[in-house]
N, C-alpha and C. Protein backbone atom coordinates (compact mmCIF):
# COMPACT_ATOMS: atom_id res chain seq x y z
N MET A 1 21.35 -52.42 -17.62
CA MET A 1 20.57 -52.27 -18.83
C MET A 1 21.40 -52.77 -20.01
N SER A 2 20.81 -53.64 -20.81
CA SER A 2 21.54 -54.20 -21.96
C SER A 2 21.73 -53.13 -23.04
N SER A 3 22.60 -53.42 -23.98
CA SER A 3 22.84 -52.47 -25.07
C SER A 3 21.58 -52.27 -25.92
N HIS A 4 20.77 -53.34 -26.08
CA HIS A 4 19.51 -53.21 -26.83
C HIS A 4 18.56 -52.29 -26.09
N GLU A 5 18.48 -52.44 -24.77
CA GLU A 5 17.60 -51.58 -23.97
C GLU A 5 18.08 -50.13 -24.00
N GLN A 6 19.40 -49.93 -23.97
CA GLN A 6 19.96 -48.58 -24.04
C GLN A 6 19.62 -47.94 -25.39
N LEU A 7 19.74 -48.71 -26.45
CA LEU A 7 19.42 -48.19 -27.78
C LEU A 7 17.94 -47.83 -27.87
N LYS A 8 17.07 -48.70 -27.37
CA LYS A 8 15.64 -48.40 -27.38
C LYS A 8 15.36 -47.11 -26.61
N ALA A 9 16.00 -46.95 -25.47
CA ALA A 9 15.81 -45.74 -24.67
C ALA A 9 16.24 -44.49 -25.44
N LYS A 10 17.35 -44.57 -26.17
CA LYS A 10 17.84 -43.44 -26.97
C LYS A 10 16.85 -43.10 -28.09
N ILE A 11 16.32 -44.13 -28.73
CA ILE A 11 15.37 -43.92 -29.83
C ILE A 11 14.10 -43.27 -29.29
N ILE A 12 13.60 -43.77 -28.19
CA ILE A 12 12.39 -43.21 -27.59
C ILE A 12 12.62 -41.77 -27.15
N GLN A 13 13.75 -41.51 -26.51
CA GLN A 13 14.06 -40.14 -26.07
C GLN A 13 14.11 -39.20 -27.26
N LYS A 14 14.75 -39.63 -28.35
CA LYS A 14 14.83 -38.81 -29.56
C LYS A 14 13.43 -38.53 -30.11
N ALA A 15 12.58 -39.53 -30.12
CA ALA A 15 11.21 -39.36 -30.62
C ALA A 15 10.42 -38.37 -29.76
N TRP A 16 10.63 -38.40 -28.45
CA TRP A 16 9.95 -37.45 -27.56
C TRP A 16 10.42 -36.02 -27.82
N GLU A 17 11.68 -35.87 -28.15
CA GLU A 17 12.28 -34.54 -28.30
C GLU A 17 12.19 -33.98 -29.71
N ASP A 18 12.02 -34.82 -30.71
CA ASP A 18 12.09 -34.40 -32.11
C ASP A 18 10.87 -34.93 -32.87
N GLU A 19 9.91 -34.06 -33.09
CA GLU A 19 8.65 -34.45 -33.74
C GLU A 19 8.88 -34.98 -35.16
N ALA A 20 9.81 -34.37 -35.90
CA ALA A 20 10.09 -34.82 -37.26
C ALA A 20 10.66 -36.24 -37.25
N PHE A 21 11.57 -36.50 -36.31
CA PHE A 21 12.12 -37.86 -36.20
C PHE A 21 11.02 -38.84 -35.84
N LYS A 22 10.17 -38.48 -34.88
CA LYS A 22 9.07 -39.37 -34.47
C LYS A 22 8.17 -39.70 -35.66
N ASN A 23 7.82 -38.69 -36.45
CA ASN A 23 6.96 -38.93 -37.60
C ASN A 23 7.63 -39.84 -38.62
N GLN A 24 8.93 -39.65 -38.84
CA GLN A 24 9.66 -40.53 -39.77
C GLN A 24 9.75 -41.94 -39.20
N LEU A 25 9.99 -42.03 -37.89
CA LEU A 25 10.08 -43.34 -37.25
C LEU A 25 8.78 -44.11 -37.39
N LEU A 26 7.66 -43.42 -37.24
CA LEU A 26 6.35 -44.07 -37.39
C LEU A 26 6.07 -44.46 -38.84
N ALA A 27 6.52 -43.62 -39.78
CA ALA A 27 6.24 -43.87 -41.19
C ALA A 27 7.21 -44.85 -41.84
N ASN A 28 8.50 -44.74 -41.49
CA ASN A 28 9.53 -45.57 -42.12
C ASN A 28 10.64 -45.81 -41.09
N PRO A 29 10.44 -46.74 -40.16
CA PRO A 29 11.39 -46.95 -39.08
C PRO A 29 12.82 -47.23 -39.52
N LYS A 30 12.99 -48.06 -40.54
CA LYS A 30 14.36 -48.40 -40.99
C LYS A 30 15.10 -47.16 -41.46
N ALA A 31 14.41 -46.34 -42.25
CA ALA A 31 15.05 -45.12 -42.76
C ALA A 31 15.38 -44.16 -41.62
N ALA A 32 14.47 -44.03 -40.67
CA ALA A 32 14.70 -43.13 -39.53
C ALA A 32 15.89 -43.58 -38.71
N LEU A 33 16.01 -44.88 -38.46
CA LEU A 33 17.12 -45.40 -37.68
C LEU A 33 18.44 -45.24 -38.42
N LYS A 34 18.42 -45.45 -39.73
CA LYS A 34 19.65 -45.31 -40.51
C LYS A 34 20.08 -43.84 -40.55
N GLU A 35 19.13 -42.96 -40.82
CA GLU A 35 19.44 -41.54 -40.95
C GLU A 35 19.92 -40.91 -39.64
N THR A 36 19.26 -41.26 -38.56
CA THR A 36 19.55 -40.60 -37.29
C THR A 36 20.63 -41.28 -36.47
N PHE A 37 20.64 -42.60 -36.49
CA PHE A 37 21.57 -43.34 -35.64
C PHE A 37 22.62 -44.13 -36.41
N GLY A 38 22.56 -44.10 -37.75
CA GLY A 38 23.52 -44.83 -38.55
C GLY A 38 23.34 -46.33 -38.47
N ILE A 39 22.14 -46.78 -38.13
CA ILE A 39 21.86 -48.21 -37.98
C ILE A 39 21.28 -48.74 -39.28
N THR A 40 21.95 -49.71 -39.87
CA THR A 40 21.45 -50.36 -41.06
C THR A 40 21.04 -51.78 -40.69
N LEU A 41 19.77 -52.07 -40.86
CA LEU A 41 19.25 -53.39 -40.53
C LEU A 41 19.18 -54.25 -41.78
N PRO A 42 19.36 -55.55 -41.64
CA PRO A 42 19.27 -56.45 -42.80
C PRO A 42 17.90 -56.33 -43.46
N GLY A 43 17.87 -56.59 -44.75
CA GLY A 43 16.63 -56.48 -45.51
C GLY A 43 15.51 -57.37 -45.01
N ASP A 44 15.85 -58.49 -44.39
CA ASP A 44 14.81 -59.40 -43.93
C ASP A 44 14.28 -59.04 -42.53
N PHE A 45 14.81 -57.99 -41.92
CA PHE A 45 14.30 -57.53 -40.62
C PHE A 45 13.11 -56.61 -40.86
N THR A 46 12.08 -56.78 -40.06
CA THR A 46 10.93 -55.90 -40.08
C THR A 46 10.94 -55.08 -38.81
N VAL A 47 10.74 -53.77 -38.95
CA VAL A 47 10.70 -52.88 -37.80
C VAL A 47 9.35 -52.20 -37.80
N LYS A 48 8.67 -52.24 -36.66
CA LYS A 48 7.39 -51.57 -36.51
C LYS A 48 7.50 -50.58 -35.36
N ALA A 49 7.08 -49.37 -35.61
CA ALA A 49 7.04 -48.36 -34.56
C ALA A 49 5.59 -47.92 -34.40
N VAL A 50 5.11 -47.95 -33.19
CA VAL A 50 3.76 -47.49 -32.89
C VAL A 50 3.82 -46.54 -31.70
N GLU A 51 2.87 -45.65 -31.63
CA GLU A 51 2.85 -44.68 -30.55
C GLU A 51 1.66 -44.97 -29.63
N GLU A 52 1.96 -45.11 -28.35
CA GLU A 52 0.88 -45.24 -27.38
C GLU A 52 0.25 -43.87 -27.15
N THR A 53 -1.03 -43.89 -26.88
CA THR A 53 -1.74 -42.67 -26.51
C THR A 53 -2.44 -42.91 -25.19
N SER A 54 -3.17 -41.92 -24.72
CA SER A 54 -3.87 -42.09 -23.45
C SER A 54 -4.99 -43.12 -23.55
N THR A 55 -5.41 -43.46 -24.78
CA THR A 55 -6.49 -44.44 -24.95
C THR A 55 -6.03 -45.71 -25.66
N ASP A 56 -4.77 -45.78 -26.06
CA ASP A 56 -4.22 -46.97 -26.70
C ASP A 56 -3.05 -47.49 -25.87
N PHE A 57 -3.03 -48.78 -25.67
CA PHE A 57 -1.94 -49.43 -24.95
C PHE A 57 -1.35 -50.48 -25.86
N VAL A 58 -0.03 -50.45 -26.01
CA VAL A 58 0.66 -51.40 -26.88
C VAL A 58 1.36 -52.43 -26.00
N LEU A 59 1.08 -53.68 -26.24
CA LEU A 59 1.71 -54.77 -25.51
C LEU A 59 2.54 -55.58 -26.49
N VAL A 60 3.83 -55.64 -26.25
CA VAL A 60 4.73 -56.39 -27.12
C VAL A 60 5.04 -57.72 -26.44
N ILE A 61 4.78 -58.78 -27.15
CA ILE A 61 5.09 -60.11 -26.64
C ILE A 61 6.43 -60.51 -27.25
N PRO A 62 7.49 -60.53 -26.45
CA PRO A 62 8.80 -60.87 -27.00
C PRO A 62 8.87 -62.32 -27.44
N ALA A 63 9.87 -62.61 -28.25
CA ALA A 63 10.10 -63.98 -28.69
C ALA A 63 10.35 -64.85 -27.47
N ASN A 64 9.85 -66.05 -27.53
CA ASN A 64 10.07 -67.01 -26.46
C ASN A 64 11.56 -67.33 -26.42
N PRO A 65 12.23 -67.08 -25.29
CA PRO A 65 13.68 -67.33 -25.23
C PRO A 65 14.06 -68.77 -25.61
N ALA A 66 13.18 -69.70 -25.37
CA ALA A 66 13.47 -71.09 -25.71
C ALA A 66 13.46 -71.32 -27.21
N LYS A 67 12.89 -70.37 -27.97
CA LYS A 67 12.77 -70.55 -29.42
C LYS A 67 13.63 -69.57 -30.20
N VAL A 68 14.37 -68.68 -29.53
CA VAL A 68 15.20 -67.70 -30.21
C VAL A 68 16.47 -68.37 -30.70
N LEU A 69 16.79 -68.13 -31.97
CA LEU A 69 18.03 -68.67 -32.54
C LEU A 69 19.19 -67.79 -32.14
N VAL A 70 20.28 -68.40 -31.81
CA VAL A 70 21.49 -67.66 -31.45
C VAL A 70 22.44 -67.74 -32.64
N THR A 71 22.93 -66.59 -33.07
CA THR A 71 23.88 -66.54 -34.17
C THR A 71 25.19 -67.16 -33.71
N ALA A 72 25.79 -67.97 -34.54
CA ALA A 72 27.03 -68.64 -34.19
C ALA A 72 28.08 -67.61 -33.78
N GLY A 73 28.63 -67.78 -32.61
CA GLY A 73 29.69 -66.92 -32.12
C GLY A 73 29.21 -65.61 -31.50
N ALA A 74 27.92 -65.34 -31.53
CA ALA A 74 27.41 -64.07 -30.98
C ALA A 74 27.14 -64.22 -29.49
N ASP A 75 27.32 -63.10 -28.77
CA ASP A 75 27.06 -63.09 -27.34
C ASP A 75 25.57 -62.92 -27.04
N ASN A 76 24.84 -62.28 -27.96
CA ASN A 76 23.42 -62.00 -27.74
C ASN A 76 22.59 -62.68 -28.82
N PRO A 77 21.37 -63.10 -28.48
CA PRO A 77 20.50 -63.68 -29.51
C PRO A 77 20.08 -62.61 -30.51
N ASN A 78 19.74 -63.08 -31.71
CA ASN A 78 19.19 -62.15 -32.71
C ASN A 78 17.88 -61.59 -32.19
N TRP A 79 17.57 -60.38 -32.60
CA TRP A 79 16.27 -59.79 -32.26
C TRP A 79 15.72 -59.08 -33.45
């Protein structure tokens, strides 16, 4: 599991266990991530958090790997 996948798993687990965090994550994801995990994202990053329900299914289409820009010197592509 990549570090990004591990982080996502931690965020999801926290949201399942902490209703206040989940509500903040849904309302203001950047603030929730900074407050709870100490993660500060660049101003030009957009973060969207949505909650699946028994009648809603969320399908995320990731960036096409052939079109993802790689930061100079970075081991992982930007996301």
